[in-house]
Every structure is written in structure tokens, then in C-alpha cells.
Amino acid sequence: MRKIILILSLLSLTGCAYTSHVPSANGAAEVMPNRRIDAPAAVRIDPELSNLTRKVNTGFVCGAHTYTVDLGSGISESILQTMEGAFKQVARVDSQSEVQPGAYFLDFYLSDFAPRLRFLPGFWSATADADTELAIRVRATNPQGKLVLQTTGRGQGNAEETGGCTEGEEPITEATRKALQRTMEDLVQKLVNTRILTDETK
């Protein structure tokens, strides 16, 4: 086992840098038909969230290879697509002052993002094991200007690939996509399907 770790460590000395661009994930399918809100929504996505990139935490094996996850555009598209399935109309805004009369205001910002990648040494190769946790916070204001809900959508994803030190990009991308998908679905359950927004408006 020590020889295997040594070989993989020596191979990792000629490291490379990789960037994973995570695609969007739509959680609108989780919106219950009788929970869809017949009103427009104005969506603000905090710049930290819309420009989110993070260097992946890796272990000692293959440590010379660096991986970065770019989630910004994917996460923005995911939020807008998911909310379009929940509201009559969705517009993206930069501040609450831009909200049109009769619209809900949804303010999304980052709570936590933790992508991790480990390389587990095998006999001839290493297995890249990726795990990502994501949490997005949202503050919802009703058309009357009252803050009616603050909640956090959470998601976790895992993926792996066997090969070597260069095989980390695909699993970390897939693990993050899964975490994003589950976060969108969790937001739908807490923000839309609970009826808190519509009940507070009545």
C-alpha cells in the first residue's frame, strides 16, 4: 500500500489545474400544480452567489492537481428556471426598489458551499471520490412589502470515477450538479409547496 501511495504521489508532482463548469438544474418539476402562485416574482441573486467559484478541497494523494468549481452561471439559471415554474412571471432585479406592484420579492444568497475531492489509491489506479454540499438562503417579501419567510434550501451530491489524478473534473462536476438539483428541489418544498407565501398574503 505504501508503494502505491508513493507512486501516485510521484505522478501527482506534475500537476495540472482544472475548472469544472456546472450546468443548471431545474427544480420546477417539484412544484405541486395546486401550489403554483398566480402572481409575479422579482428575483435578486446576490453577487457572491451569481459569481460563485470555489477551489476544491483535496487530500494528500494527487495534491499537486488543483480543481476549481465554477457554479455562478449554473446557479443563477437554476434559480430563475425553478422560480418560473412556481410563479406567474419572473423578472430578475438588482434591488428591491425595482420590484413592480403586486410582485413577490425573493432575495437569494449563499449560506454554504463545500466541494470536496479525495483520491483513494488502488492497485493500479486511484478512485476520485467527490462530495459537494450546498446551501442557499432566501428571504421572501410579499406584494404588501412584508417579510413573510426566511429559509434555507440544502442539497448534497456524490460521484466517483476510477482512473488517476486527472480524473477529478467529471466527478466533482457531477457531485455539484446533484447538490444543486437537490437544493432547488428543497427550495421548492420550503418556499412554494408549504403555501406560506400565499397564506401570509390572505
N, C-alpha and C. Protein backbone atom coordinates (compact mmCIF):
# COMPACT_ATOMS: atom_id res chain seq x y z
N MET A 1 0.82 -1.20 0.00
CA MET A 1 0.00 0.00 0.00
C MET A 1 0.86 1.26 0.00
N ARG A 2 1.98 1.24 0.78
CA ARG A 2 2.86 2.39 0.81
C ARG A 2 3.45 2.67 -0.57
N LYS A 3 3.81 1.58 -1.30
CA LYS A 3 4.37 1.75 -2.65
C LYS A 3 3.34 2.38 -3.58
N ILE A 4 2.11 1.96 -3.46
CA ILE A 4 1.04 2.50 -4.31
C ILE A 4 0.87 3.99 -4.06
N ILE A 5 0.82 4.37 -2.78
CA ILE A 5 0.67 5.78 -2.43
C ILE A 5 1.86 6.59 -2.94
N LEU A 6 3.07 6.01 -2.82
CA LEU A 6 4.27 6.70 -3.28
C LEU A 6 4.23 6.93 -4.78
N ILE A 7 3.82 5.90 -5.53
CA ILE A 7 3.74 6.03 -6.99
C ILE A 7 2.76 7.12 -7.39
N LEU A 8 1.57 7.10 -6.76
CA LEU A 8 0.55 8.11 -7.08
C LEU A 8 1.03 9.50 -6.69
N SER A 9 1.75 9.60 -5.60
CA SER A 9 2.25 10.89 -5.15
C SER A 9 3.29 11.43 -6.13
N LEU A 10 4.16 10.56 -6.63
CA LEU A 10 5.17 10.98 -7.60
C LEU A 10 4.52 11.43 -8.90
N LEU A 11 3.49 10.70 -9.32
CA LEU A 11 2.77 11.08 -10.53
C LEU A 11 2.11 12.43 -10.39
N SER A 12 1.64 12.72 -9.17
CA SER A 12 0.91 13.96 -8.96
C SER A 12 1.82 15.18 -8.94
N LEU A 13 3.12 15.00 -8.92
CA LEU A 13 4.03 16.14 -8.87
C LEU A 13 3.95 16.99 -10.13
N THR A 14 3.63 16.36 -11.26
CA THR A 14 3.44 17.10 -12.50
C THR A 14 1.95 17.44 -12.60
N GLY A 15 1.50 18.28 -11.70
CA GLY A 15 0.07 18.57 -11.58
C GLY A 15 -0.45 19.51 -12.64
N CYS A 16 -1.76 19.54 -12.74
CA CYS A 16 -2.47 20.41 -13.68
C CYS A 16 -3.61 21.10 -12.94
N ALA A 17 -4.14 22.16 -13.56
CA ALA A 17 -5.27 22.88 -12.99
C ALA A 17 -6.51 22.61 -13.84
N TYR A 18 -7.62 22.34 -13.19
CA TYR A 18 -8.88 22.02 -13.87
C TYR A 18 -9.99 22.92 -13.32
N THR A 19 -10.89 23.34 -14.19
CA THR A 19 -12.06 24.12 -13.78
C THR A 19 -13.32 23.43 -14.26
N SER A 20 -14.23 23.16 -13.33
CA SER A 20 -15.49 22.50 -13.65
C SER A 20 -16.59 23.54 -13.78
N HIS A 21 -17.24 23.58 -14.93
CA HIS A 21 -18.37 24.48 -15.15
C HIS A 21 -19.65 23.65 -14.98
N VAL A 22 -20.36 23.92 -13.91
CA VAL A 22 -21.52 23.10 -13.55
C VAL A 22 -22.77 23.60 -14.29
N PRO A 23 -23.51 22.70 -14.96
CA PRO A 23 -24.72 23.11 -15.68
C PRO A 23 -25.86 23.41 -14.71
N SER A 24 -26.89 24.06 -15.23
CA SER A 24 -28.04 24.42 -14.39
C SER A 24 -28.86 23.18 -14.05
N ALA A 25 -29.66 23.31 -13.00
CA ALA A 25 -30.53 22.23 -12.55
C ALA A 25 -31.90 22.84 -12.23
N ASN A 26 -32.95 22.29 -12.81
CA ASN A 26 -34.29 22.85 -12.69
C ASN A 26 -35.11 22.06 -11.68
N GLY A 27 -35.58 22.73 -10.62
CA GLY A 27 -36.39 22.06 -9.61
C GLY A 27 -37.87 22.28 -9.79
N ALA A 28 -38.29 22.88 -10.93
CA ALA A 28 -39.70 23.24 -11.12
C ALA A 28 -40.64 22.03 -11.15
N ALA A 29 -40.11 20.86 -11.48
CA ALA A 29 -40.96 19.66 -11.53
C ALA A 29 -41.52 19.31 -10.15
N GLU A 30 -40.90 19.83 -9.09
CA GLU A 30 -41.37 19.54 -7.73
C GLU A 30 -42.50 20.46 -7.29
N VAL A 31 -42.82 21.48 -8.10
CA VAL A 31 -43.91 22.38 -7.75
C VAL A 31 -45.24 21.64 -7.91
N MET A 32 -46.00 21.54 -6.84
CA MET A 32 -47.32 20.89 -6.92
C MET A 32 -48.26 21.80 -7.70
N PRO A 33 -49.05 21.25 -8.64
CA PRO A 33 -49.91 22.08 -9.51
C PRO A 33 -50.80 23.05 -8.74
N ASN A 34 -51.36 22.61 -7.62
CA ASN A 34 -52.26 23.48 -6.85
C ASN A 34 -51.53 24.42 -5.90
N ARG A 35 -50.18 24.42 -5.96
CA ARG A 35 -49.38 25.31 -5.13
C ARG A 35 -48.75 26.44 -5.94
N ARG A 36 -48.89 26.37 -7.26
CA ARG A 36 -48.30 27.41 -8.11
C ARG A 36 -48.92 28.75 -7.77
N ILE A 37 -48.09 29.79 -7.67
CA ILE A 37 -48.54 31.10 -7.20
C ILE A 37 -48.92 31.98 -8.39
N ASP A 38 -50.17 32.43 -8.40
CA ASP A 38 -50.69 33.22 -9.52
C ASP A 38 -50.35 34.70 -9.33
N ALA A 39 -49.07 34.97 -9.29
CA ALA A 39 -48.57 36.34 -9.12
C ALA A 39 -47.14 36.37 -9.64
N PRO A 40 -46.66 37.54 -10.03
CA PRO A 40 -45.27 37.64 -10.49
C PRO A 40 -44.29 37.65 -9.32
N ALA A 41 -43.03 37.39 -9.63
CA ALA A 41 -41.98 37.43 -8.63
C ALA A 41 -40.77 38.17 -9.20
N ALA A 42 -40.15 38.98 -8.34
CA ALA A 42 -38.90 39.64 -8.68
C ALA A 42 -37.78 38.93 -7.92
N VAL A 43 -36.77 38.48 -8.63
CA VAL A 43 -35.72 37.66 -8.04
C VAL A 43 -34.39 38.43 -8.03
N ARG A 44 -33.83 38.55 -6.85
CA ARG A 44 -32.48 39.11 -6.72
C ARG A 44 -31.53 37.99 -6.33
N ILE A 45 -30.43 37.87 -7.04
CA ILE A 45 -29.41 36.86 -6.74
C ILE A 45 -28.15 37.59 -6.30
N ASP A 46 -27.75 37.38 -5.08
CA ASP A 46 -26.60 38.07 -4.53
C ASP A 46 -25.36 37.83 -5.39
N PRO A 47 -24.52 38.86 -5.61
CA PRO A 47 -23.33 38.70 -6.45
C PRO A 47 -22.41 37.58 -5.99
N GLU A 48 -22.31 37.34 -4.69
CA GLU A 48 -21.48 36.23 -4.22
C GLU A 48 -21.99 34.90 -4.77
N LEU A 49 -23.31 34.81 -4.93
CA LEU A 49 -23.92 33.59 -5.44
C LEU A 49 -23.80 33.50 -6.96
N SER A 50 -24.07 34.60 -7.64
CA SER A 50 -24.06 34.58 -9.10
C SER A 50 -22.65 34.51 -9.69
N ASN A 51 -21.62 34.77 -8.86
CA ASN A 51 -20.24 34.66 -9.32
C ASN A 51 -19.47 33.59 -8.56
N LEU A 52 -20.20 32.60 -8.08
CA LEU A 52 -19.61 31.62 -7.17
C LEU A 52 -18.61 30.70 -7.84
N THR A 53 -17.38 30.75 -7.37
CA THR A 53 -16.35 29.78 -7.72
C THR A 53 -15.66 29.38 -6.43
N ARG A 54 -15.17 28.16 -6.40
CA ARG A 54 -14.54 27.69 -5.17
C ARG A 54 -13.47 26.65 -5.51
N LYS A 55 -12.29 26.82 -4.92
CA LYS A 55 -11.26 25.81 -5.07
C LYS A 55 -11.66 24.59 -4.26
N VAL A 56 -11.50 23.42 -4.86
CA VAL A 56 -11.94 22.18 -4.23
C VAL A 56 -10.94 21.73 -3.18
N ASN A 57 -11.45 21.31 -2.06
CA ASN A 57 -10.61 20.77 -1.00
C ASN A 57 -10.20 19.35 -1.38
N THR A 58 -8.90 19.11 -1.57
CA THR A 58 -8.40 17.78 -1.93
C THR A 58 -7.47 17.26 -0.83
N GLY A 59 -7.24 15.99 -0.85
CA GLY A 59 -6.36 15.37 0.13
C GLY A 59 -4.91 15.34 -0.34
N PHE A 60 -4.09 14.51 0.32
CA PHE A 60 -2.65 14.43 0.02
C PHE A 60 -2.38 13.76 -1.31
N VAL A 61 -3.06 12.65 -1.58
CA VAL A 61 -2.85 11.92 -2.83
C VAL A 61 -3.32 12.78 -4.00
N CYS A 62 -2.48 12.96 -4.99
CA CYS A 62 -2.75 13.80 -6.17
C CYS A 62 -2.91 15.27 -5.79
N GLY A 63 -2.30 15.67 -4.69
CA GLY A 63 -2.46 17.02 -4.18
C GLY A 63 -1.90 18.10 -5.08
N ALA A 64 -1.00 17.76 -6.02
CA ALA A 64 -0.44 18.77 -6.92
C ALA A 64 -1.43 19.18 -8.00
N HIS A 65 -2.49 18.40 -8.20
CA HIS A 65 -3.53 18.73 -9.16
C HIS A 65 -4.56 19.61 -8.46
N THR A 66 -4.89 20.75 -9.03
CA THR A 66 -5.85 21.66 -8.42
C THR A 66 -7.16 21.68 -9.22
N TYR A 67 -8.25 21.67 -8.50
CA TYR A 67 -9.58 21.67 -9.10
C TYR A 67 -10.38 22.85 -8.58
N THR A 68 -11.05 23.53 -9.48
CA THR A 68 -11.91 24.66 -9.12
C THR A 68 -13.30 24.42 -9.68
N VAL A 69 -14.32 24.73 -8.91
CA VAL A 69 -15.71 24.59 -9.36
C VAL A 69 -16.27 25.98 -9.66
N ASP A 70 -16.78 26.16 -10.87
CA ASP A 70 -17.44 27.41 -11.28
C ASP A 70 -18.93 27.14 -11.33
N LEU A 71 -19.64 27.69 -10.34
CA LEU A 71 -21.07 27.40 -10.20
C LEU A 71 -21.94 28.62 -10.48
N GLY A 72 -21.32 29.79 -10.69
CA GLY A 72 -22.07 31.04 -10.77
C GLY A 72 -23.20 31.07 -11.79
N SER A 73 -22.89 30.86 -13.07
CA SER A 73 -23.93 30.94 -14.10
C SER A 73 -24.94 29.81 -13.95
N GLY A 74 -24.47 28.64 -13.58
CA GLY A 74 -25.37 27.50 -13.40
C GLY A 74 -26.36 27.73 -12.28
N ILE A 75 -25.92 28.33 -11.20
CA ILE A 75 -26.80 28.54 -10.07
C ILE A 75 -27.82 29.63 -10.36
N SER A 76 -27.42 30.67 -11.07
CA SER A 76 -28.35 31.75 -11.42
C SER A 76 -29.45 31.22 -12.35
N GLU A 77 -29.06 30.46 -13.36
CA GLU A 77 -30.03 29.88 -14.28
C GLU A 77 -30.97 28.93 -13.55
N SER A 78 -30.43 28.17 -12.61
CA SER A 78 -31.24 27.21 -11.86
C SER A 78 -32.32 27.90 -11.04
N ILE A 79 -31.95 28.97 -10.36
CA ILE A 79 -32.92 29.70 -9.55
C ILE A 79 -34.02 30.27 -10.42
N LEU A 80 -33.66 30.91 -11.52
CA LEU A 80 -34.66 31.53 -12.40
C LEU A 80 -35.57 30.49 -13.03
N GLN A 81 -35.00 29.38 -13.52
CA GLN A 81 -35.82 28.33 -14.13
C GLN A 81 -36.77 27.71 -13.12
N THR A 82 -36.28 27.49 -11.91
CA THR A 82 -37.11 26.88 -10.87
C THR A 82 -38.25 27.80 -10.46
N MET A 83 -37.96 29.08 -10.28
CA MET A 83 -38.99 30.03 -9.88
C MET A 83 -40.00 30.29 -11.00
N GLU A 84 -39.57 30.16 -12.25
CA GLU A 84 -40.50 30.31 -13.37
C GLU A 84 -41.58 29.22 -13.35
N GLY A 85 -41.25 28.08 -12.76
CA GLY A 85 -42.23 27.01 -12.62
C GLY A 85 -43.16 27.20 -11.44
N ALA A 86 -42.87 28.21 -10.60
CA ALA A 86 -43.65 28.41 -9.38
C ALA A 86 -44.50 29.67 -9.40
N PHE A 87 -44.12 30.66 -10.23
CA PHE A 87 -44.82 31.94 -10.25
C PHE A 87 -45.36 32.23 -11.66
N LYS A 88 -46.29 33.16 -11.71
CA LYS A 88 -46.92 33.54 -12.98
C LYS A 88 -45.90 34.14 -13.94
N GLN A 89 -44.98 34.92 -13.41
CA GLN A 89 -43.95 35.58 -14.21
C GLN A 89 -42.76 35.87 -13.30
N VAL A 90 -41.57 35.80 -13.86
CA VAL A 90 -40.37 36.03 -13.05
C VAL A 90 -39.47 37.03 -13.77
N ALA A 91 -39.01 38.02 -13.01
CA ALA A 91 -38.07 39.01 -13.53
C ALA A 91 -36.88 39.09 -12.58
N ARG A 92 -35.70 39.21 -13.14
CA ARG A 92 -34.51 39.36 -12.31
C ARG A 92 -34.25 40.83 -12.05
N VAL A 93 -33.97 41.17 -10.80
CA VAL A 93 -33.72 42.56 -10.41
C VAL A 93 -32.42 42.64 -9.62
N ASP A 94 -31.91 43.86 -9.47
CA ASP A 94 -30.70 44.08 -8.69
C ASP A 94 -30.98 44.55 -7.27
N SER A 95 -32.20 45.07 -7.04
CA SER A 95 -32.55 45.55 -5.71
C SER A 95 -34.07 45.51 -5.53
N GLN A 96 -34.52 45.61 -4.30
CA GLN A 96 -35.94 45.57 -4.00
C GLN A 96 -36.68 46.79 -4.54
N SER A 97 -35.98 47.88 -4.75
CA SER A 97 -36.61 49.09 -5.26
C SER A 97 -37.12 48.92 -6.69
N GLU A 98 -36.66 47.88 -7.38
CA GLU A 98 -37.07 47.64 -8.77
C GLU A 98 -38.32 46.77 -8.86
N VAL A 99 -38.83 46.30 -7.74
CA VAL A 99 -39.97 45.39 -7.75
C VAL A 99 -41.24 46.12 -8.19
N GLN A 100 -41.96 45.53 -9.14
CA GLN A 100 -43.20 46.10 -9.63
C GLN A 100 -44.34 45.82 -8.65
N PRO A 101 -45.37 46.68 -8.62
CA PRO A 101 -46.52 46.46 -7.72
C PRO A 101 -47.16 45.09 -7.96
N GLY A 102 -47.53 44.43 -6.87
CA GLY A 102 -48.20 43.13 -6.97
C GLY A 102 -47.27 41.95 -7.07
N ALA A 103 -45.95 42.18 -7.01
CA ALA A 103 -44.98 41.08 -7.16
C ALA A 103 -44.35 40.71 -5.83
N TYR A 104 -44.02 39.46 -5.68
CA TYR A 104 -43.22 38.99 -4.56
C TYR A 104 -41.77 39.36 -4.82
N PHE A 105 -41.02 39.56 -3.75
CA PHE A 105 -39.58 39.81 -3.87
C PHE A 105 -38.84 38.68 -3.19
N LEU A 106 -37.98 37.98 -3.97
CA LEU A 106 -37.22 36.85 -3.47
C LEU A 106 -35.73 37.18 -3.54
N ASP A 107 -35.08 37.17 -2.41
CA ASP A 107 -33.67 37.55 -2.32
C ASP A 107 -32.85 36.31 -1.97
N PHE A 108 -32.05 35.83 -2.93
CA PHE A 108 -31.26 34.61 -2.74
C PHE A 108 -29.81 34.96 -2.46
N TYR A 109 -29.22 34.28 -1.49
CA TYR A 109 -27.80 34.48 -1.21
C TYR A 109 -27.19 33.20 -0.65
N LEU A 110 -25.88 33.13 -0.67
CA LEU A 110 -25.17 31.92 -0.31
C LEU A 110 -25.15 31.72 1.20
N SER A 111 -25.40 30.48 1.60
CA SER A 111 -25.26 30.09 3.00
C SER A 111 -24.00 29.24 3.18
N ASP A 112 -23.82 28.23 2.30
CA ASP A 112 -22.64 27.37 2.41
C ASP A 112 -22.40 26.65 1.10
N PHE A 113 -21.14 26.47 0.77
CA PHE A 113 -20.75 25.70 -0.42
C PHE A 113 -19.44 24.99 -0.12
N ALA A 114 -19.46 23.67 -0.10
CA ALA A 114 -18.28 22.90 0.29
C ALA A 114 -18.06 21.74 -0.69
N PRO A 115 -17.28 21.95 -1.76
CA PRO A 115 -16.91 20.86 -2.66
C PRO A 115 -15.65 20.16 -2.16
N ARG A 116 -15.67 18.84 -2.14
CA ARG A 116 -14.52 18.07 -1.66
C ARG A 116 -14.19 16.96 -2.65
N LEU A 117 -12.90 16.65 -2.76
CA LEU A 117 -12.45 15.62 -3.69
C LEU A 117 -11.31 14.84 -3.06
N ARG A 118 -11.49 13.53 -2.97
CA ARG A 118 -10.45 12.66 -2.43
C ARG A 118 -10.05 11.65 -3.49
N PHE A 119 -8.77 11.31 -3.53
CA PHE A 119 -8.28 10.27 -4.42
C PHE A 119 -7.89 9.07 -3.56
N LEU A 120 -8.60 7.98 -3.76
CA LEU A 120 -8.38 6.77 -2.97
C LEU A 120 -7.49 5.83 -3.76
N PRO A 121 -6.30 5.52 -3.28
CA PRO A 121 -5.36 4.69 -4.05
C PRO A 121 -5.82 3.24 -4.18
N GLY A 122 -5.71 2.72 -5.40
CA GLY A 122 -6.00 1.31 -5.66
C GLY A 122 -4.72 0.61 -6.09
N PHE A 123 -4.84 -0.58 -6.68
CA PHE A 123 -3.64 -1.34 -7.05
C PHE A 123 -2.91 -0.70 -8.22
N TRP A 124 -3.67 -0.35 -9.29
CA TRP A 124 -3.04 0.27 -10.46
C TRP A 124 -3.49 1.71 -10.68
N SER A 125 -4.51 2.16 -9.98
CA SER A 125 -5.05 3.49 -10.23
C SER A 125 -5.66 4.05 -8.95
N ALA A 126 -6.14 5.27 -9.05
CA ALA A 126 -6.81 5.91 -7.92
C ALA A 126 -8.26 6.18 -8.29
N THR A 127 -9.13 6.12 -7.29
CA THR A 127 -10.54 6.46 -7.49
C THR A 127 -10.79 7.87 -6.98
N ALA A 128 -11.31 8.72 -7.85
CA ALA A 128 -11.64 10.09 -7.45
C ALA A 128 -13.04 10.07 -6.86
N ASP A 129 -13.14 10.38 -5.59
CA ASP A 129 -14.42 10.38 -4.88
C ASP A 129 -14.78 11.83 -4.54
N ALA A 130 -15.87 12.34 -5.12
CA ALA A 130 -16.26 13.74 -4.95
C ALA A 130 -17.53 13.85 -4.12
N ASP A 131 -17.57 14.86 -3.29
CA ASP A 131 -18.74 15.12 -2.45
C ASP A 131 -18.93 16.63 -2.35
N THR A 132 -20.16 17.09 -2.56
CA THR A 132 -20.45 18.53 -2.50
C THR A 132 -21.67 18.79 -1.64
N GLU A 133 -21.57 19.81 -0.79
CA GLU A 133 -22.70 20.28 -0.01
C GLU A 133 -22.97 21.73 -0.39
N LEU A 134 -24.24 22.06 -0.58
CA LEU A 134 -24.64 23.40 -0.99
C LEU A 134 -25.84 23.85 -0.16
N ALA A 135 -25.83 25.10 0.25
CA ALA A 135 -26.97 25.67 0.98
C ALA A 135 -27.21 27.10 0.49
N ILE A 136 -28.44 27.37 0.08
CA ILE A 136 -28.82 28.69 -0.42
C ILE A 136 -29.92 29.26 0.47
N ARG A 137 -29.73 30.47 0.92
CA ARG A 137 -30.68 31.16 1.78
C ARG A 137 -31.58 32.05 0.93
N VAL A 138 -32.85 32.17 1.31
CA VAL A 138 -33.77 33.05 0.59
C VAL A 138 -34.64 33.80 1.59
N ARG A 139 -34.84 35.07 1.29
CA ARG A 139 -35.77 35.93 2.04
C ARG A 139 -36.90 36.30 1.10
N ALA A 140 -38.14 36.04 1.52
CA ALA A 140 -39.30 36.28 0.67
C ALA A 140 -40.18 37.38 1.26
N THR A 141 -40.45 38.39 0.43
CA THR A 141 -41.32 39.50 0.81
C THR A 141 -42.57 39.47 -0.05
N ASN A 142 -43.75 39.61 0.58
CA ASN A 142 -45.00 39.52 -0.18
C ASN A 142 -45.29 40.84 -0.91
N PRO A 143 -46.33 40.89 -1.76
CA PRO A 143 -46.62 42.11 -2.53
C PRO A 143 -46.94 43.32 -1.66
N GLN A 144 -47.28 43.10 -0.40
CA GLN A 144 -47.55 44.21 0.51
C GLN A 144 -46.28 44.74 1.17
N GLY A 145 -45.13 44.13 0.83
CA GLY A 145 -43.87 44.60 1.38
C GLY A 145 -43.49 43.99 2.70
N LYS A 146 -44.19 42.94 3.12
CA LYS A 146 -43.91 42.30 4.41
C LYS A 146 -43.00 41.09 4.22
N LEU A 147 -41.96 40.99 5.04
CA LEU A 147 -41.09 39.81 5.02
C LEU A 147 -41.87 38.65 5.64
N VAL A 148 -42.14 37.62 4.83
CA VAL A 148 -43.00 36.53 5.30
C VAL A 148 -42.26 35.21 5.49
N LEU A 149 -41.07 35.09 4.94
CA LEU A 149 -40.37 33.80 5.06
C LEU A 149 -38.87 33.98 4.87
N GLN A 150 -38.11 33.34 5.73
CA GLN A 150 -36.67 33.17 5.56
C GLN A 150 -36.38 31.68 5.72
N THR A 151 -35.76 31.10 4.72
CA THR A 151 -35.49 29.67 4.79
C THR A 151 -34.22 29.34 4.02
N THR A 152 -33.73 28.12 4.19
CA THR A 152 -32.52 27.67 3.52
C THR A 152 -32.77 26.38 2.77
N GLY A 153 -32.44 26.37 1.49
CA GLY A 153 -32.50 25.14 0.70
C GLY A 153 -31.14 24.45 0.74
N ARG A 154 -31.15 23.15 1.00
CA ARG A 154 -29.90 22.41 1.14
C ARG A 154 -29.88 21.21 0.20
N GLY A 155 -28.67 20.88 -0.27
CA GLY A 155 -28.51 19.72 -1.13
C GLY A 155 -27.12 19.13 -1.01
N GLN A 156 -27.01 17.84 -1.25
CA GLN A 156 -25.72 17.13 -1.19
C GLN A 156 -25.63 16.20 -2.38
N GLY A 157 -24.44 16.07 -2.93
CA GLY A 157 -24.24 15.19 -4.07
C GLY A 157 -22.92 14.45 -3.98
N ASN A 158 -22.88 13.24 -4.55
CA ASN A 158 -21.67 12.43 -4.54
C ASN A 158 -21.49 11.77 -5.90
N ALA A 159 -20.23 11.63 -6.32
CA ALA A 159 -19.92 10.93 -7.57
C ALA A 159 -18.47 10.45 -7.49
N GLU A 160 -18.15 9.43 -8.29
CA GLU A 160 -16.78 8.94 -8.30
C GLU A 160 -16.39 8.47 -9.69
N GLU A 161 -15.08 8.41 -9.92
CA GLU A 161 -14.53 7.99 -11.21
C GLU A 161 -13.19 7.32 -10.95
N THR A 162 -12.97 6.17 -11.59
CA THR A 162 -11.71 5.46 -11.43
C THR A 162 -10.77 5.79 -12.58
N GLY A 163 -9.51 6.03 -12.28
CA GLY A 163 -8.53 6.32 -13.32
C GLY A 163 -7.23 6.80 -12.73
N GLY A 164 -7.19 8.03 -12.29
CA GLY A 164 -5.96 8.58 -11.74
C GLY A 164 -6.15 10.02 -11.34
N CYS A 165 -5.02 10.72 -11.21
CA CYS A 165 -5.05 12.09 -10.71
C CYS A 165 -5.75 13.06 -11.64
N THR A 166 -5.90 12.71 -12.91
CA THR A 166 -6.52 13.61 -13.87
C THR A 166 -8.03 13.39 -13.99
N GLU A 167 -8.58 12.48 -13.20
CA GLU A 167 -9.98 12.10 -13.36
C GLU A 167 -10.92 12.78 -12.36
N GLY A 168 -10.48 13.89 -11.77
CA GLY A 168 -11.32 14.52 -10.75
C GLY A 168 -12.37 15.47 -11.28
N GLU A 169 -12.20 15.99 -12.50
CA GLU A 169 -13.10 17.02 -13.01
C GLU A 169 -14.53 16.50 -13.18
N GLU A 170 -14.68 15.34 -13.79
CA GLU A 170 -16.04 14.82 -14.04
C GLU A 170 -16.80 14.52 -12.75
N PRO A 171 -16.20 13.81 -11.78
CA PRO A 171 -16.97 13.53 -10.56
C PRO A 171 -17.29 14.77 -9.74
N ILE A 172 -16.40 15.76 -9.66
CA ILE A 172 -16.72 16.95 -8.87
C ILE A 172 -17.81 17.77 -9.56
N THR A 173 -17.82 17.76 -10.90
CA THR A 173 -18.89 18.44 -11.64
C THR A 173 -20.22 17.76 -11.37
N GLU A 174 -20.24 16.43 -11.45
CA GLU A 174 -21.48 15.68 -11.25
C GLU A 174 -21.96 15.78 -9.81
N ALA A 175 -21.06 15.70 -8.85
CA ALA A 175 -21.45 15.81 -7.44
C ALA A 175 -22.06 17.18 -7.16
N THR A 176 -21.49 18.23 -7.76
CA THR A 176 -22.01 19.57 -7.55
C THR A 176 -23.34 19.76 -8.26
N ARG A 177 -23.49 19.18 -9.44
CA ARG A 177 -24.78 19.25 -10.14
C ARG A 177 -25.87 18.59 -9.32
N LYS A 178 -25.59 17.44 -8.73
CA LYS A 178 -26.57 16.76 -7.90
C LYS A 178 -26.94 17.60 -6.68
N ALA A 179 -25.93 18.21 -6.06
CA ALA A 179 -26.19 19.07 -4.90
C ALA A 179 -27.06 20.26 -5.28
N LEU A 180 -26.79 20.83 -6.46
CA LEU A 180 -27.58 21.96 -6.95
C LEU A 180 -29.02 21.53 -7.22
N GLN A 181 -29.20 20.38 -7.86
CA GLN A 181 -30.54 19.88 -8.15
C GLN A 181 -31.35 19.68 -6.86
N ARG A 182 -30.74 19.06 -5.88
CA ARG A 182 -31.43 18.80 -4.62
C ARG A 182 -31.70 20.08 -3.85
N THR A 183 -30.83 21.06 -3.98
CA THR A 183 -31.06 22.35 -3.34
C THR A 183 -32.27 23.05 -3.95
N MET A 184 -32.38 23.01 -5.28
CA MET A 184 -33.53 23.61 -5.95
C MET A 184 -34.82 22.92 -5.52
N GLU A 185 -34.79 21.62 -5.45
CA GLU A 185 -35.99 20.87 -5.04
C GLU A 185 -36.37 21.18 -3.59
N ASP A 186 -35.37 21.34 -2.73
CA ASP A 186 -35.64 21.67 -1.33
C ASP A 186 -36.22 23.08 -1.21
N LEU A 187 -35.72 24.00 -2.01
CA LEU A 187 -36.27 25.36 -2.01
C LEU A 187 -37.73 25.37 -2.43
N VAL A 188 -38.07 24.57 -3.43
CA VAL A 188 -39.46 24.48 -3.87
C VAL A 188 -40.35 23.99 -2.74
N GLN A 189 -39.92 22.96 -2.05
CA GLN A 189 -40.72 22.41 -0.96
C GLN A 189 -40.94 23.45 0.14
N LYS A 190 -39.90 24.19 0.50
CA LYS A 190 -39.99 25.14 1.62
C LYS A 190 -40.59 26.48 1.23
N LEU A 191 -40.37 26.90 -0.01
CA LEU A 191 -40.79 28.23 -0.43
C LEU A 191 -42.16 28.24 -1.09
N VAL A 192 -42.50 27.16 -1.81
CA VAL A 192 -43.72 27.16 -2.61
C VAL A 192 -44.75 26.16 -2.10
N ASN A 193 -44.36 24.91 -1.97
CA ASN A 193 -45.33 23.86 -1.65
C ASN A 193 -45.93 23.97 -0.25
N THR A 194 -45.28 24.70 0.64
CA THR A 194 -45.82 24.87 2.00
C THR A 194 -46.99 25.84 2.06
N ARG A 195 -47.17 26.65 1.02
CA ARG A 195 -48.24 27.66 0.94
C ARG A 195 -48.02 28.83 1.91
N ILE A 196 -46.85 28.91 2.51
CA ILE A 196 -46.60 30.00 3.45
C ILE A 196 -46.74 31.36 2.77
N LEU A 197 -46.23 31.51 1.56
CA LEU A 197 -46.29 32.78 0.88
C LEU A 197 -47.72 33.21 0.59
N THR A 198 -48.54 32.33 0.06
CA THR A 198 -49.91 32.68 -0.27
C THR A 198 -50.78 32.83 0.95
N ASP A 199 -50.57 32.03 1.97
CA ASP A 199 -51.37 32.13 3.20
C ASP A 199 -51.10 33.44 3.93
N GLU A 200 -49.84 33.89 3.89
CA GLU A 200 -49.48 35.13 4.56
C GLU A 200 -50.08 36.35 3.84
N THR A 201 -50.38 36.19 2.56
CA THR A 201 -50.91 37.31 1.77
C THR A 201 -52.40 37.50 2.01
N LYS A 202 -53.09 36.42 2.38
CA LYS A 202 -54.54 36.49 2.56
C LYS A 202 -54.92 37.33 3.77
